[in-house]
PDB file of N, CA and C in Angstrom:
ATOM      1  N   MET A   1       0.842  -1.184   0.000  1.00  0.00           N
ATOM      2  CA  MET A   1       0.000   0.000   0.000  1.00  0.00           C
ATOM      3  C   MET A   1       0.885   1.245   0.000  1.00  0.00           C
ATOM      4  N   LYS A   2       0.608   2.140  -0.898  1.00  0.00           N
ATOM      5  CA  LYS A   2       1.386   3.364  -1.022  1.00  0.00           C
ATOM      6  C   LYS A   2       0.913   4.378   0.025  1.00  0.00           C
ATOM      7  N   THR A   3       1.869   4.991   0.720  1.00  0.00           N
ATOM      8  CA  THR A   3       1.514   6.029   1.683  1.00  0.00           C
ATOM      9  C   THR A   3       1.632   7.386   1.010  1.00  0.00           C
ATOM     10  N   GLU A   4       0.709   8.264   1.339  1.00  0.00           N
ATOM     11  CA  GLU A   4       0.727   9.606   0.776  1.00  0.00           C
ATOM     12  C   GLU A   4       1.748  10.477   1.487  1.00  0.00           C
ATOM     13  N   THR A   5       2.417  11.294   0.711  1.00  0.00           N
ATOM     14  CA  THR A   5       3.352  12.256   1.272  1.00  0.00           C
ATOM     15  C   THR A   5       2.586  13.536   1.549  1.00  0.00           C
ATOM     16  N   LYS A   6       2.693  14.019   2.780  1.00  0.00           N
ATOM     17  CA  LYS A   6       2.077  15.287   3.112  1.00  0.00           C
ATOM     18  C   LYS A   6       3.100  16.376   2.819  1.00  0.00           C
ATOM     19  N   ALA A   7       2.728  17.289   1.914  1.00  0.00           N
ATOM     20  CA  ALA A   7       3.650  18.353   1.511  1.00  0.00           C
ATOM     21  C   ALA A   7       2.907  19.680   1.460  1.00  0.00           C
ATOM     22  N   GLU A   8       3.614  20.734   1.754  1.00  0.00           N
ATOM     23  CA  GLU A   8       3.093  22.095   1.704  1.00  0.00           C
ATOM     24  C   GLU A   8       4.181  22.992   1.119  1.00  0.00           C
ATOM     25  N   VAL A   9       3.822  24.194   0.775  1.00  0.00           N
ATOM     26  CA  VAL A   9       4.784  25.227   0.422  1.00  0.00           C
ATOM     27  C   VAL A   9       4.601  26.359   1.416  1.00  0.00           C
ATOM     28  N   ILE A  10       5.691  26.726   2.074  1.00  0.00           N
ATOM     29  CA  ILE A  10       5.664  27.864   2.978  1.00  0.00           C
ATOM     30  C   ILE A  10       6.525  28.973   2.382  1.00  0.00           C
ATOM     31  N   LEU A  11       6.349  30.162   2.885  1.00  0.00           N
ATOM     32  CA  LEU A  11       7.108  31.293   2.366  1.00  0.00           C
ATOM     33  C   LEU A  11       8.187  31.713   3.346  1.00  0.00           C
ATOM     34  N   MET A  12       9.329  32.070   2.805  1.00  0.00           N
ATOM     35  CA  MET A  12      10.416  32.674   3.561  1.00  0.00           C
ATOM     36  C   MET A  12      10.808  33.943   2.819  1.00  0.00           C
ATOM     37  N   LYS A  13      11.591  34.782   3.492  1.00  0.00           N
ATOM     38  CA  LYS A  13      12.037  36.017   2.852  1.00  0.00           C
ATOM     39  C   LYS A  13      13.525  36.185   3.073  1.00  0.00           C
ATOM     40  N   CYS A  14      14.213  36.590   2.016  1.00  0.00           N
ATOM     41  CA  CYS A  14      15.643  36.834   2.101  1.00  0.00           C
ATOM     42  C   CYS A  14      15.863  38.304   2.457  1.00  0.00           C
ATOM     43  N   PRO A  15      16.398  38.591   3.658  1.00  0.00           N
ATOM     44  CA  PRO A  15      16.621  39.979   4.041  1.00  0.00           C
ATOM     45  C   PRO A  15      17.672  40.680   3.184  1.00  0.00           C
ATOM     46  N   GLU A  16      18.553  39.918   2.556  1.00  0.00           N
ATOM     47  CA  GLU A  16      19.606  40.530   1.730  1.00  0.00           C
ATOM     48  C   GLU A  16      19.045  41.208   0.492  1.00  0.00           C
ATOM     49  N   VAL A  17      18.026  40.607  -0.123  1.00  0.00           N
ATOM     50  CA  VAL A  17      17.462  41.162  -1.354  1.00  0.00           C
ATOM     51  C   VAL A  17      15.992  41.580  -1.200  1.00  0.00           C
ATOM     52  N   GLN A  18      15.417  41.353  -0.011  1.00  0.00           N
ATOM     53  CA  GLN A  18      14.016  41.695   0.279  1.00  0.00           C
ATOM     54  C   GLN A  18      13.033  41.042  -0.696  1.00  0.00           C
ATOM     55  N   LYS A  19      13.285  39.757  -0.995  1.00  0.00           N
ATOM     56  CA  LYS A  19      12.387  39.002  -1.865  1.00  0.00           C
ATOM     57  C   LYS A  19      11.908  37.754  -1.145  1.00  0.00           C
ATOM     58  N   ILE A  20      10.646  37.386  -1.429  1.00  0.00           N
ATOM     59  CA  ILE A  20      10.113  36.148  -0.867  1.00  0.00           C
ATOM     60  C   ILE A  20      10.496  34.981  -1.765  1.00  0.00           C
ATOM     61  N   TYR A  21      10.427  33.797  -1.183  1.00  0.00           N
ATOM     62  CA  TYR A  21      10.604  32.582  -1.967  1.00  0.00           C
ATOM     63  C   TYR A  21       9.797  31.463  -1.333  1.00  0.00           C
ATOM     64  N   GLY A  22       9.438  30.486  -2.140  1.00  0.00           N
ATOM     65  CA  GLY A  22       8.685  29.345  -1.658  1.00  0.00           C
ATOM     66  C   GLY A  22       9.623  28.238  -1.218  1.00  0.00           C
ATOM     67  N   VAL A  23       9.209  27.521  -0.189  1.00  0.00           N
ATOM     68  CA  VAL A  23       9.965  26.374   0.286  1.00  0.00           C
ATOM     69  C   VAL A  23       8.997  25.192   0.384  1.00  0.00           C
ATOM     70  N   ARG A  24       9.273  24.174  -0.393  1.00  0.00           N
ATOM     71  CA  ARG A  24       8.470  22.949  -0.312  1.00  0.00           C
ATOM     72  C   ARG A  24       8.921  22.180   0.912  1.00  0.00           C
ATOM     73  N   VAL A  25       7.957  21.809   1.738  1.00  0.00           N
ATOM     74  CA  VAL A  25       8.253  21.038   2.946  1.00  0.00           C
ATOM     75  C   VAL A  25       7.425  19.758   2.920  1.00  0.00           C
ATOM     76  N   GLU A  26       8.025  18.680   3.410  1.00  0.00           N
ATOM     77  CA  GLU A  26       7.336  17.394   3.494  1.00  0.00           C
ATOM     78  C   GLU A  26       7.375  16.910   4.925  1.00  0.00           C
ATOM     79  N   GLU A  27       6.289  16.271   5.343  1.00  0.00           N
ATOM     80  CA  GLU A  27       6.240  15.699   6.690  1.00  0.00           C
ATOM     81  C   GLU A  27       6.680  14.245   6.617  1.00  0.00           C
ATOM     82  N   TRP A  28       7.721  13.934   7.369  1.00  0.00           N
ATOM     83  CA  TRP A  28       8.243  12.575   7.454  1.00  0.00           C
ATOM     84  C   TRP A  28       8.296  12.182   8.922  1.00  0.00           C
ATOM     85  N   GLN A  29       7.535  11.185   9.285  1.00  0.00           N
ATOM     86  CA  GLN A  29       7.533  10.638  10.645  1.00  0.00           C
ATOM     87  C   GLN A  29       7.369  11.723  11.716  1.00  0.00           C
ATOM     88  N   GLY A  30       6.438  12.648  11.463  1.00  0.00           N
ATOM     89  CA  GLY A  30       6.099  13.656  12.457  1.00  0.00           C
ATOM     90  C   GLY A  30       6.936  14.921  12.435  1.00  0.00           C
ATOM     91  N   ASP A  31       7.979  14.969  11.626  1.00  0.00           N
ATOM     92  CA  ASP A  31       8.789  16.173  11.491  1.00  0.00           C
ATOM     93  C   ASP A  31       8.664  16.701  10.069  1.00  0.00           C
ATOM     94  N   TRP A  32       8.938  17.994   9.902  1.00  0.00           N
ATOM     95  CA  TRP A  32       8.900  18.636   8.591  1.00  0.00           C
ATOM     96  C   TRP A  32      10.315  18.812   8.079  1.00  0.00           C
ATOM     97  N   PHE A  33      10.481  18.590   6.781  1.00  0.00           N
ATOM     98  CA  PHE A  33      11.786  18.728   6.126  1.00  0.00           C
ATOM     99  C   PHE A  33      11.653  19.641   4.917  1.00  0.00           C
ATOM    100  N   ARG A  34      12.579  20.597   4.819  1.00  0.00           N
ATOM    101  CA  ARG A  34      12.637  21.482   3.660  1.00  0.00           C
ATOM    102  C   ARG A  34      13.325  20.717   2.534  1.00  0.00           C
ATOM    103  N   THR A  35      12.624  20.565   1.409  1.00  0.00           N
ATOM    104  CA  THR A  35      13.159  19.751   0.322  1.00  0.00           C
ATOM    105  C   THR A  35      13.583  20.561  -0.900  1.00  0.00           C
ATOM    106  N   TRP A  36      13.022  21.763  -1.077  1.00  0.00           N
ATOM    107  CA  TRP A  36      13.314  22.524  -2.286  1.00  0.00           C
ATOM    108  C   TRP A  36      12.873  23.962  -2.082  1.00  0.00           C
ATOM    109  N   ALA A  37      13.697  24.916  -2.517  1.00  0.00           N
ATOM    110  CA  ALA A  37      13.354  26.337  -2.452  1.00  0.00           C
ATOM    111  C   ALA A  37      13.368  26.918  -3.861  1.00  0.00           C
ATOM    112  N   PHE A  38      12.464  27.857  -4.109  1.00  0.00           N
ATOM    113  CA  PHE A  38      12.342  28.419  -5.454  1.00  0.00           C
ATOM    114  C   PHE A  38      11.846  29.861  -5.378  1.00  0.00           C
ATOM    115  N   PRO A  39      12.298  30.697  -6.313  1.00  0.00           N
ATOM    116  CA  PRO A  39      11.818  32.080  -6.344  1.00  0.00           C
ATOM    117  C   PRO A  39      10.325  32.108  -6.668  1.00  0.00           C
ATOM    118  N   VAL A  40       9.626  33.029  -6.059  1.00  0.00           N
ATOM    119  CA  VAL A  40       8.197  33.207  -6.346  1.00  0.00           C
ATOM    120  C   VAL A  40       7.855  34.673  -6.081  1.00  0.00           C
ATOM    121  N   ASP A  41       6.988  35.218  -6.899  1.00  0.00           N
ATOM    122  CA  ASP A  41       6.592  36.601  -6.636  1.00  0.00           C
ATOM    123  C   ASP A  41       5.315  36.619  -5.797  1.00  0.00           C
ATOM    124  N   VAL A  42       5.013  37.775  -5.245  1.00  0.00           N
ATOM    125  CA  VAL A  42       3.887  37.931  -4.327  1.00  0.00           C
ATOM    126  C   VAL A  42       2.572  37.531  -4.992  1.00  0.00           C
ATOM    127  N   LYS A  43       2.363  37.944  -6.231  1.00  0.00           N
ATOM    128  CA  LYS A  43       1.112  37.645  -6.935  1.00  0.00           C
ATOM    129  C   LYS A  43       0.917  36.140  -7.102  1.00  0.00           C
ATOM    130  N   LYS A  44       1.954  35.448  -7.532  1.00  0.00           N
ATOM    131  CA  LYS A  44       1.875  33.990  -7.719  1.00  0.00           C
ATOM    132  C   LYS A  44       1.679  33.283  -6.379  1.00  0.00           C
ATOM    133  N   ALA A  45       2.413  33.728  -5.355  1.00  0.00           N
ATOM    134  CA  ALA A  45       2.289  33.118  -4.027  1.00  0.00           C
ATOM    135  C   ALA A  45       0.863  33.248  -3.502  1.00  0.00           C
ATOM    136  N   SER A  46       0.267  34.418  -3.699  1.00  0.00           N
ATOM    137  CA  SER A  46      -1.107  34.647  -3.259  1.00  0.00           C
ATOM    138  C   SER A  46      -2.084  33.805  -4.067  1.00  0.00           C
ATOM    139  N   HIS A  47      -1.906  33.760  -5.394  1.00  0.00           N
ATOM    140  CA  HIS A  47      -2.770  32.973  -6.263  1.00  0.00           C
ATOM    141  C   HIS A  47      -2.735  31.487  -5.891  1.00  0.00           C
ATOM    142  N   GLU A  48      -1.557  30.988  -5.560  1.00  0.00           N
ATOM    143  CA  GLU A  48      -1.395  29.574  -5.197  1.00  0.00           C
ATOM    144  C   GLU A  48      -1.824  29.291  -3.752  1.00  0.00           C
ATOM    145  N   GLY A  49      -2.056  30.333  -2.965  1.00  0.00           N
ATOM    146  CA  GLY A  49      -2.482  30.143  -1.576  1.00  0.00           C
ATOM    147  C   GLY A  49      -1.342  29.815  -0.623  1.00  0.00           C
ATOM    148  N   PHE A  50      -0.093  30.053  -1.050  1.00  0.00           N
ATOM    149  CA  PHE A  50       1.053  29.746  -0.194  1.00  0.00           C
ATOM    150  C   PHE A  50       1.009  30.533   1.115  1.00  0.00           C
ATOM    151  N   ASP A  51       0.383  31.705   1.082  1.00  0.00           N
ATOM    152  CA  ASP A  51       0.308  32.545   2.279  1.00  0.00           C
ATOM    153  C   ASP A  51      -0.675  31.994   3.314  1.00  0.00           C
ATOM    154  N   LYS A  52      -1.426  30.981   2.967  1.00  0.00           N
ATOM    155  CA  LYS A  52      -2.414  30.410   3.880  1.00  0.00           C
ATOM    156  C   LYS A  52      -1.965  29.082   4.490  1.00  0.00           C
ATOM    157  N   ASN A  53      -0.869  28.528   3.996  1.00  0.00           N
ATOM    158  CA  ASN A  53      -0.399  27.239   4.500  1.00  0.00           C
ATOM    159  C   ASN A  53       0.121  27.359   5.921  1.00  0.00           C
ATOM    160  N   LYS A  54      -0.099  26.295   6.709  1.00  0.00           N
ATOM    161  CA  LYS A  54       0.335  26.273   8.099  1.00  0.00           C
ATOM    162  C   LYS A  54       1.069  24.962   8.376  1.00  0.00           C
ATOM    163  N   ILE A  55       2.145  25.058   9.114  1.00  0.00           N
ATOM    164  CA  ILE A  55       2.823  23.854   9.590  1.00  0.00           C
ATOM    165  C   ILE A  55       3.219  24.071  11.046  1.00  0.00           C
ATOM    166  N   LYS A  56       3.331  22.981  11.771  1.00  0.00           N
ATOM    167  CA  LYS A  56       3.761  23.045  13.164  1.00  0.00           C
ATOM    168  C   LYS A  56       4.660  21.853  13.410  1.00  0.00           C
ATOM    169  N   GLY A  57       5.800  22.098  14.015  1.00  0.00           N
ATOM    170  CA  GLY A  57       6.729  21.019  14.332  1.00  0.00           C
ATOM    171  C   GLY A  57       8.161  21.429  14.074  1.00  0.00           C
ATOM    172  N   ASN A  58       9.026  20.451  14.082  1.00  0.00           N
ATOM    173  CA  ASN A  58      10.428  20.701  13.763  1.00  0.00           C
ATOM    174  C   ASN A  58      10.559  20.887  12.256  1.00  0.00           C
ATOM    175  N   LEU A  59      11.519  21.711  11.842  1.00  0.00           N
ATOM    176  CA  LEU A  59      11.683  22.021  10.422  1.00  0.00           C
ATOM    177  C   LEU A  59      13.155  21.898  10.072  1.00  0.00           C
ATOM    178  N   TYR A  60      13.507  20.767   9.477  1.00  0.00           N
ATOM    179  CA  TYR A  60      14.900  20.446   9.170  1.00  0.00           C
ATOM    180  C   TYR A  60      15.166  20.557   7.670  1.00  0.00           C
ATOM    181  N   PRO A  61      16.421  20.791   7.282  1.00  0.00           N
ATOM    182  CA  PRO A  61      16.742  20.724   5.855  1.00  0.00           C
ATOM    183  C   PRO A  61      16.955  19.261   5.445  1.00  0.00           C
ATOM    184  N   ALA A  62      16.354  18.854   4.346  1.00  0.00           N
ATOM    185  CA  ALA A  62      16.638  17.532   3.784  1.00  0.00           C
ATOM    186  C   ALA A  62      18.022  17.577   3.150  1.00  0.00           C
ATOM    187  N   ASP A  63      18.616  16.437   2.932  1.00  0.00           N
ATOM    188  CA  ASP A  63      19.957  16.388   2.336  1.00  0.00           C
ATOM    189  C   ASP A  63      20.026  17.127   1.009  1.00  0.00           C
ATOM    190  N   GLU A  64      18.963  17.065   0.232  1.00  0.00           N
ATOM    191  CA  GLU A  64      18.964  17.678  -1.095  1.00  0.00           C
ATOM    192  C   GLU A  64      18.484  19.131  -1.096  1.00  0.00           C
ATOM    193  N   TYR A  65      18.181  19.696   0.063  1.00  0.00           N
ATOM    194  CA  TYR A  65      17.647  21.065   0.125  1.00  0.00           C
ATOM    195  C   TYR A  65      18.657  22.056  -0.463  1.00  0.00           C
ATOM    196  N   ASN A  66      18.199  22.871  -1.412  1.00  0.00           N
ATOM    197  CA  ASN A  66      19.083  23.781  -2.147  1.00  0.00           C
ATOM    198  C   ASN A  66      19.252  25.154  -1.497  1.00  0.00           C
ATOM    199  N   GLY A  67      18.478  25.486  -0.488  1.00  0.00           N
ATOM    200  CA  GLY A  67      18.626  26.765   0.204  1.00  0.00           C
ATOM    201  C   GLY A  67      17.989  27.924  -0.538  1.00  0.00           C
ATOM    202  N   CYS A  68      18.139  29.096   0.049  1.00  0.00           N
ATOM    203  CA  CYS A  68      17.566  30.323  -0.511  1.00  0.00           C
ATOM    204  C   CYS A  68      18.049  30.526  -1.941  1.00  0.00           C
ATOM    205  N   PRO A  69      17.137  30.822  -2.869  1.00  0.00           N
ATOM    206  CA  PRO A  69      17.560  31.048  -4.251  1.00  0.00           C
ATOM    207  C   PRO A  69      18.359  32.348  -4.434  1.00  0.00           C
ATOM    208  N   TYR A  70      18.424  33.176  -3.405  1.00  0.00           N
ATOM    209  CA  TYR A  70      19.126  34.455  -3.516  1.00  0.00           C
ATOM    210  C   TYR A  70      20.469  34.436  -2.779  1.00  0.00           C
ATOM    211  N   CYS A  71      20.472  34.116  -1.479  1.00  0.00           N
ATOM    212  CA  CYS A  71      21.728  34.149  -0.707  1.00  0.00           C
ATOM    213  C   CYS A  71      22.302  32.758  -0.461  1.00  0.00           C
ATOM    214  N   LYS A  72      21.564  31.714  -0.827  1.00  0.00           N
ATOM    215  CA  LYS A  72      21.972  30.304  -0.715  1.00  0.00           C
ATOM    216  C   LYS A  72      21.994  29.755   0.711  1.00  0.00           C
ATOM    217  N   SER A  73      21.531  30.530   1.689  1.00  0.00           N
ATOM    218  CA  SER A  73      21.498  30.046   3.068  1.00  0.00           C
ATOM    219  C   SER A  73      20.539  28.871   3.200  1.00  0.00           C
ATOM    220  N   VAL A  74      20.918  27.878   3.997  1.00  0.00           N
ATOM    221  CA  VAL A  74      20.017  26.777   4.315  1.00  0.00           C
ATOM    222  C   VAL A  74      19.467  26.924   5.731  1.00  0.00           C
ATOM    223  N   GLN A  75      19.857  27.998   6.402  1.00  0.00           N
ATOM    224  CA  GLN A  75      19.405  28.254   7.770  1.00  0.00           C
ATOM    225  C   GLN A  75      18.361  29.365   7.768  1.00  0.00           C
ATOM    226  N   PHE A  76      17.554  29.411   8.818  1.00  0.00           N
ATOM    227  CA  PHE A  76      16.536  30.446   8.917  1.00  0.00           C
ATOM    228  C   PHE A  76      16.338  30.829  10.373  1.00  0.00           C
ATOM    229  N   VAL A  77      15.696  31.965  10.565  1.00  0.00           N
ATOM    230  CA  VAL A  77      15.253  32.392  11.890  1.00  0.00           C
ATOM    231  C   VAL A  77      13.770  32.713  11.803  1.00  0.00           C
ATOM    232  N   GLN A  78      13.103  32.571  12.945  1.00  0.00           N
ATOM    233  CA  GLN A  78      11.694  32.933  13.026  1.00  0.00           C
ATOM    234  C   GLN A  78      11.579  34.186  13.871  1.00  0.00           C
ATOM    235  N   CYS A  79      10.901  35.171  13.359  1.00  0.00           N
ATOM    236  CA  CYS A  79      10.747  36.454  14.042  1.00  0.00           C
ATOM    237  C   CYS A  79       9.860  36.290  15.275  1.00  0.00           C
ATOM    238  N   SER A  80      10.284  36.909  16.369  1.00  0.00           N
ATOM    239  CA  SER A  80       9.495  36.831  17.603  1.00  0.00           C
ATOM    240  C   SER A  80       8.265  37.739  17.553  1.00  0.00           C
ATOM    241  N   ARG A  81       8.245  38.687  16.617  1.00  0.00           N
ATOM    242  CA  ARG A  81       7.083  39.578  16.508  1.00  0.00           C
ATOM    243  C   ARG A  81       6.054  39.042  15.513  1.00  0.00           C
ATOM    244  N   CYS A  82       6.460  38.823  14.272  1.00  0.00           N
ATOM    245  CA  CYS A  82       5.485  38.443  13.235  1.00  0.00           C
ATOM    246  C   CYS A  82       5.394  36.927  13.031  1.00  0.00           C
ATOM    247  N   GLY A  83       6.377  36.174  13.523  1.00  0.00           N
ATOM    248  CA  GLY A  83       6.347  34.718  13.415  1.00  0.00           C
ATOM    249  C   GLY A  83       6.767  34.167  12.068  1.00  0.00           C
ATOM    250  N   LYS A  84       7.179  35.034  11.148  1.00  0.00           N
ATOM    251  CA  LYS A  84       7.565  34.571   9.815  1.00  0.00           C
ATOM    252  C   LYS A  84       9.047  34.209   9.765  1.00  0.00           C
ATOM    253  N   LEU A  85       9.430  33.536   8.699  1.00  0.00           N
ATOM    254  CA  LEU A  85      10.777  33.007   8.563  1.00  0.00           C
ATOM    255  C   LEU A  85      11.610  33.826   7.586  1.00  0.00           C
ATOM    256  N   SER A  86      12.862  34.067   7.954  1.00  0.00           N
ATOM    257  CA  SER A  86      13.827  34.770   7.109  1.00  0.00           C
ATOM    258  C   SER A  86      15.121  33.971   7.073  1.00  0.00           C
ATOM    259  N   CYS A  87      15.882  34.149   6.002  1.00  0.00           N
ATOM    260  CA  CYS A  87      17.202  33.521   5.907  1.00  0.00           C
ATOM    261  C   CYS A  87      18.072  33.974   7.072  1.00  0.00           C
ATOM    262  N   TRP A  88      19.009  33.117   7.426  1.00  0.00           N
ATOM    263  CA  TRP A  88      19.959  33.458   8.476  1.00  0.00           C
ATOM    264  C   TRP A  88      21.329  32.949   8.061  1.00  0.00           C
ATOM    265  N   ASN A  89      22.311  33.829   8.144  1.00  0.00           N
ATOM    266  CA  ASN A  89      23.683  33.486   7.772  1.00  0.00           C
ATOM    267  C   ASN A  89      24.635  33.629   8.956  1.00  0.00           C
ATOM    268  N   ASN A  90      24.209  33.156  10.107  1.00  0.00           N
ATOM    269  CA  ASN A  90      24.994  33.125  11.351  1.00  0.00           C
ATOM    270  C   ASN A  90      25.269  34.497  11.964  1.00  0.00           C
ATOM    271  N   GLU A  91      24.506  35.523  11.601  1.00  0.00           N
ATOM    272  CA  GLU A  91      24.675  36.827  12.233  1.00  0.00           C
ATOM    273  C   GLU A  91      24.195  36.751  13.684  1.00  0.00           C
ATOM    274  N   GLU A  92      24.814  37.553  14.550  1.00  0.00           N
ATOM    275  CA  GLU A  92      24.361  37.618  15.939  1.00  0.00           C
ATOM    276  C   GLU A  92      23.111  38.472  16.073  1.00  0.00           C
ATOM    277  N   ARG A  93      22.994  39.500  15.226  1.00  0.00           N
ATOM    278  CA  ARG A  93      21.807  40.360  15.178  1.00  0.00           C
ATOM    279  C   ARG A  93      21.267  40.316  13.755  1.00  0.00           C
ATOM    280  N   ILE A  94      19.960  40.323  13.642  1.00  0.00           N
ATOM    281  CA  ILE A  94      19.333  40.261  12.325  1.00  0.00           C
ATOM    282  C   ILE A  94      18.099  41.152  12.310  1.00  0.00           C
ATOM    283  N   THR A  95      17.775  41.643  11.149  1.00  0.00           N
ATOM    284  CA  THR A  95      16.539  42.391  10.944  1.00  0.00           C
ATOM    285  C   THR A  95      15.595  41.493  10.161  1.00  0.00           C
ATOM    286  N   CYS A  96      14.380  41.318  10.700  1.00  0.00           N
ATOM    287  CA  CYS A  96      13.382  40.472  10.052  1.00  0.00           C
ATOM    288  C   CYS A  96      13.099  41.007   8.658  1.00  0.00           C
ATOM    289  N   GLY A  97      13.145  40.122   7.679  1.00  0.00           N
ATOM    290  CA  GLY A  97      12.859  40.501   6.306  1.00  0.00           C
ATOM    291  C   GLY A  97      11.401  40.881   6.085  1.00  0.00           C
ATOM    292  N   TRP A  98      10.521  40.506   7.004  1.00  0.00           N
ATOM    293  CA  TRP A  98       9.093  40.755   6.851  1.00  0.00           C
ATOM    294  C   TRP A  98       8.640  42.035   7.549  1.00  0.00           C
ATOM    295  N   CYS A  99       8.923  42.140   8.856  1.00  0.00           N
ATOM    296  CA  CYS A  99       8.359  43.254   9.631  1.00  0.00           C
ATOM    297  C   CYS A  99       9.393  44.289  10.050  1.00  0.00           C
ATOM    298  N   GLY A 100      10.684  43.985   9.842  1.00  0.00           N
ATOM    299  CA  GLY A 100      11.726  44.955  10.150  1.00  0.00           C
ATOM    300  C   GLY A 100      12.226  44.958  11.573  1.00  0.00           C
ATOM    301  N   LEU A 101      11.730  44.074  12.433  1.00  0.00           N
ATOM    302  CA  LEU A 101      12.214  44.001  13.807  1.00  0.00           C
ATOM    303  C   LEU A 101      13.687  43.607  13.810  1.00  0.00           C
ATOM    304  N   THR A 102      14.509  44.342  14.539  1.00  0.00           N
ATOM    305  CA  THR A 102      15.919  44.022  14.671  1.00  0.00           C
ATOM    306  C   THR A 102      16.165  43.512  16.077  1.00  0.00           C
ATOM    307  N   GLY A 103      16.933  42.420  16.189  1.00  0.00           N
ATOM    308  CA  GLY A 103      17.230  41.874  17.502  1.00  0.00           C
ATOM    309  C   GLY A 103      18.307  40.826  17.444  1.00  0.00           C
ATOM    310  N   ASP A 104      18.669  40.376  18.634  1.00  0.00           N
ATOM    311  CA  ASP A 104      19.654  39.318  18.759  1.00  0.00           C
ATOM    312  C   ASP A 104      19.021  37.986  18.381  1.00  0.00           C
ATOM    313  N   VAL A 105      19.810  37.115  17.818  1.00  0.00           N
ATOM    314  CA  VAL A 105      19.351  35.780  17.462  1.00  0.00           C
ATOM    315  C   VAL A 105      19.572  34.871  18.653  1.00  0.00           C
ATOM    316  N   SER A 106      18.535  34.107  19.002  1.00  0.00           N
ATOM    317  CA  SER A 106      18.680  33.123  20.075  1.00  0.00           C
ATOM    318  C   SER A 106      18.216  31.780  19.555  1.00  0.00           C
ATOM    319  N   VAL A 107      18.867  30.745  20.004  1.00  0.00           N
ATOM    320  CA  VAL A 107      18.554  29.386  19.583  1.00  0.00           C
ATOM    321  C   VAL A 107      17.508  28.820  20.527  1.00  0.00           C
ATOM    322  N   THR A 108      16.550  28.133  19.961  1.00  0.00           N
ATOM    323  CA  THR A 108      15.518  27.493  20.757  1.00  0.00           C
ATOM    324  C   THR A 108      15.336  26.057  20.284  1.00  0.00           C
ATOM    325  N   GLU A 109      14.941  25.218  21.171  1.00  0.00           N
ATOM    326  CA  GLU A 109      14.663  23.826  20.825  1.00  0.00           C
ATOM    327  C   GLU A 109      13.175  23.615  20.602  1.00  0.00           C
ATOM    328  N   ASP A 110      12.388  24.684  20.729  1.00  0.00           N
ATOM    329  CA  ASP A 110      10.946  24.576  20.559  1.00  0.00           C
ATOM    330  C   ASP A 110      10.590  24.278  19.119  1.00  0.00           C
ATOM    331  N   GLU A 111       9.452  23.629  18.939  1.00  0.00           N
ATOM    332  CA  GLU A 111       8.920  23.440  17.605  1.00  0.00           C
ATOM    333  C   GLU A 111       8.482  24.798  17.078  1.00  0.00           C
ATOM    334  N   ILE A 112       8.475  24.940  15.767  1.00  0.00           N
ATOM    335  CA  ILE A 112       7.993  26.188  15.197  1.00  0.00           C
ATOM    336  C   ILE A 112       6.534  26.038  14.806  1.00  0.00           C
ATOM    337  N   ASN A 113       5.853  27.159  14.714  1.00  0.00           N
ATOM    338  CA  ASN A 113       4.475  27.205  14.294  1.00  0.00           C
ATOM    339  C   ASN A 113       4.424  28.300  13.237  1.00  0.00           C
ATOM    340  N   VAL A 114       4.355  27.916  11.975  1.00  0.00           N
ATOM    341  CA  VAL A 114       4.418  28.866  10.870  1.00  0.00           C
ATOM    342  C   VAL A 114       3.062  28.905  10.185  1.00  0.00           C
ATOM    343  N   LYS A 115       2.582  30.105   9.947  1.00  0.00           N
ATOM    344  CA  LYS A 115       1.341  30.267   9.198  1.00  0.00           C
ATOM    345  C   LYS A 115       1.504  31.419   8.242  1.00  0.00           C
ATOM    346  N   GLY A 116       0.761  31.377   7.170  1.00  0.00           N
ATOM    347  CA  GLY A 116       0.839  32.426   6.154  1.00  0.00           C
ATOM    348  C   GLY A 116       0.247  33.719   6.650  1.00  0.00           C
ATOM    349  N   GLY A 117       0.249  34.714   5.788  1.00  0.00           N
ATOM    350  CA  GLY A 117      -0.318  36.010   6.140  1.00  0.00           C
ATOM    351  C   GLY A 117       0.073  37.050   5.119  1.00  0.00           C
ATOM    352  N   ASP A 118      -0.021  38.298   5.528  1.00  0.00           N
ATOM    353  CA  ASP A 118       0.305  39.400   4.627  1.00  0.00           C
ATOM    354  C   ASP A 118       1.742  39.342   4.193  1.00  0.00           C
ATOM    355  N   TYR A 119       2.011  39.959   3.055  1.00  0.00           N
ATOM    356  CA  TYR A 119       3.361  39.994   2.522  1.00  0.00           C
ATOM    357  C   TYR A 119       4.055  41.225   2.999  1.00  0.00           C
TER     358      TYR A 119
END
């Protein structure tokens, strides 16, 4: 019996170029894995409903994950204000690509809860 793969596309933003991109994520054994990233514009993302997708859990890069199509980062941070995801290149301080909040980066072991919203 074939098992269905649960997959979604979530949005991230590259603070270096201020552009959004889509990230295909798949759920494997209760965790989420980033499998592929691709450039997408706001109009297409909205038309496809990517801004409405929600995931909750751990979010790991799969071995084949290609990273941000702009800065090539495979790491991300989640903003404590807006909850959205931005690329991270090991900076100690970062400005959220979505809402502009600037702050120190802290590591957490908590699961993430990502949901779509305004661009």
